[in-house]
Amino acid sequence: MIKEKVIKDGMFPKVKCCLDALKAGVHKTHIVDGRVQHALLLEIFTEDGIGTQIVEKKLDLTASSTPS
């Protein structure tokens, strides 16, 4: 999305920091609008949240690659 310029301007450094954190071993990151009252609580403790969550991609290594 960065290469396609979907993520640009002010979001670029935020997403880059999230990606750097994921590469360093963090499993999940959140981008929230600090101008919204209680934004962090709403993001973490509500089902839908109000921000953007970026998570690491896990591969399913339990599935067999050979047909049965």
C-alpha atoms as a PDB file:
ATOM      1  CA  MET A   1       0.000   0.000   0.000  1.00  0.00           C
ATOM      2  CA  ILE A   2       2.956   2.305   0.501  1.00  0.00           C
ATOM      3  CA  LYS A   3       4.316   1.571  -2.976  1.00  0.00           C
ATOM      4  CA  GLU A   4       0.885   2.195  -4.504  1.00  0.00           C
ATOM      5  CA  LYS A   5       0.696   5.556  -2.646  1.00  0.00           C
ATOM      6  CA  VAL A   6      -2.458   4.499  -0.773  1.00  0.00           C
ATOM      7  CA  ILE A   7      -0.558   5.263   2.435  1.00  0.00           C
ATOM      8  CA  LYS A   8       0.996   8.713   2.103  1.00  0.00           C
ATOM      9  CA  ASP A   9       1.520  12.082   3.744  1.00  0.00           C
ATOM     10  CA  GLY A  10       1.050  12.018   7.538  1.00  0.00           C
ATOM     11  CA  MET A  11       0.098   8.342   7.674  1.00  0.00           C
ATOM     12  CA  PHE A  12       3.402   7.212   6.153  1.00  0.00           C
ATOM     13  CA  PRO A  13       5.578   7.750   9.271  1.00  0.00           C
ATOM     14  CA  LYS A  14       2.905   6.231  11.510  1.00  0.00           C
ATOM     15  CA  VAL A  15       2.635   3.072   9.405  1.00  0.00           C
ATOM     16  CA  LYS A  16       6.424   2.863   9.065  1.00  0.00           C
ATOM     17  CA  CYS A  17       6.776   2.928  12.862  1.00  0.00           C
ATOM     18  CA  CYS A  18       4.154   0.182  13.137  1.00  0.00           C
ATOM     19  CA  LEU A  19       5.992  -1.953  10.582  1.00  0.00           C
ATOM     20  CA  ASP A  20       9.310  -1.370  12.376  1.00  0.00           C
ATOM     21  CA  ALA A  21       7.703  -2.480  15.647  1.00  0.00           C
ATOM     22  CA  LEU A  22       6.316  -5.629  14.007  1.00  0.00           C
ATOM     23  CA  LYS A  23       9.747  -6.453  12.564  1.00  0.00           C
ATOM     24  CA  ALA A  24      11.210  -6.033  16.066  1.00  0.00           C
ATOM     25  CA  GLY A  25       8.856  -8.640  17.510  1.00  0.00           C
ATOM     26  CA  VAL A  26       5.715  -6.732  18.501  1.00  0.00           C
ATOM     27  CA  HIS A  27       2.635  -8.760  17.509  1.00  0.00           C
ATOM     28  CA  LYS A  28       0.078  -5.971  17.105  1.00  0.00           C
ATOM     29  CA  THR A  29       0.098  -2.181  16.696  1.00  0.00           C
ATOM     30  CA  HIS A  30      -2.635   0.463  16.791  1.00  0.00           C
ATOM     31  CA  ILE A  31      -2.907   3.918  15.238  1.00  0.00           C
ATOM     32  CA  VAL A  32      -5.465   6.097  17.020  1.00  0.00           C
ATOM     33  CA  ASP A  33      -6.471   9.747  16.771  1.00  0.00           C
ATOM     34  CA  GLY A  34      -5.189  11.426  19.917  1.00  0.00           C
ATOM     35  CA  ARG A  35      -7.665  14.275  19.454  1.00  0.00           C
ATOM     36  CA  VAL A  36     -10.585  11.937  20.209  1.00  0.00           C
ATOM     37  CA  GLN A  37     -11.413  11.774  23.911  1.00  0.00           C
ATOM     38  CA  HIS A  38     -10.692   8.296  25.345  1.00  0.00           C
ATOM     39  CA  ALA A  39      -9.452   7.098  21.921  1.00  0.00           C
ATOM     40  CA  LEU A  40      -7.084   4.497  23.345  1.00  0.00           C
ATOM     41  CA  LEU A  41      -9.753   2.988  25.582  1.00  0.00           C
ATOM     42  CA  LEU A  42     -12.236   2.929  22.712  1.00  0.00           C
ATOM     43  CA  GLU A  43      -9.695   1.254  20.435  1.00  0.00           C
ATOM     44  CA  ILE A  44      -8.651  -1.431  22.891  1.00  0.00           C
ATOM     45  CA  PHE A  45     -11.828  -2.172  24.840  1.00  0.00           C
ATOM     46  CA  THR A  46     -14.541  -2.022  22.174  1.00  0.00           C
ATOM     47  CA  GLU A  47     -15.223  -4.727  19.624  1.00  0.00           C
ATOM     48  CA  ASP A  48     -14.814  -2.520  16.551  1.00  0.00           C
ATOM     49  CA  GLY A  49     -12.340   0.022  17.888  1.00  0.00           C
ATOM     50  CA  ILE A  50     -11.946   3.466  16.373  1.00  0.00           C
ATOM     51  CA  GLY A  51      -8.465   3.337  14.884  1.00  0.00           C
ATOM     52  CA  THR A  52      -6.293   1.196  12.680  1.00  0.00           C
ATOM     53  CA  GLN A  53      -4.819  -2.076  13.890  1.00  0.00           C
ATOM     54  CA  ILE A  54      -1.831  -3.614  12.121  1.00  0.00           C
ATOM     55  CA  VAL A  55      -0.893  -7.173  13.046  1.00  0.00           C
ATOM     56  CA  GLU A  56       1.847  -9.541  12.045  1.00  0.00           C
ATOM     57  CA  LYS A  57       0.892 -12.187   9.508  1.00  0.00           C
ATOM     58  CA  LYS A  58       1.118 -15.709  10.854  1.00  0.00           C
ATOM     59  CA  LEU A  59       1.584 -18.669   8.551  1.00  0.00           C
ATOM     60  CA  ASP A  60      -0.451 -21.799   9.168  1.00  0.00           C
ATOM     61  CA  LEU A  61       2.286 -24.408   9.383  1.00  0.00           C
ATOM     62  CA  THR A  62      -0.043 -27.117  10.687  1.00  0.00           C
ATOM     63  CA  ALA A  63      -1.713 -27.805   7.331  1.00  0.00           C
ATOM     64  CA  SER A  64      -0.200 -30.586   5.272  1.00  0.00           C
ATOM     65  CA  SER A  65       1.179 -29.587   1.891  1.00  0.00           C
ATOM     66  CA  THR A  66       0.756 -33.090   0.485  1.00  0.00           C
ATOM     67  CA  PRO A  67      -2.626 -34.382  -0.674  1.00  0.00           C
ATOM     68  CA  SER A  68      -4.123 -37.227   1.357  1.00  0.00           C
END
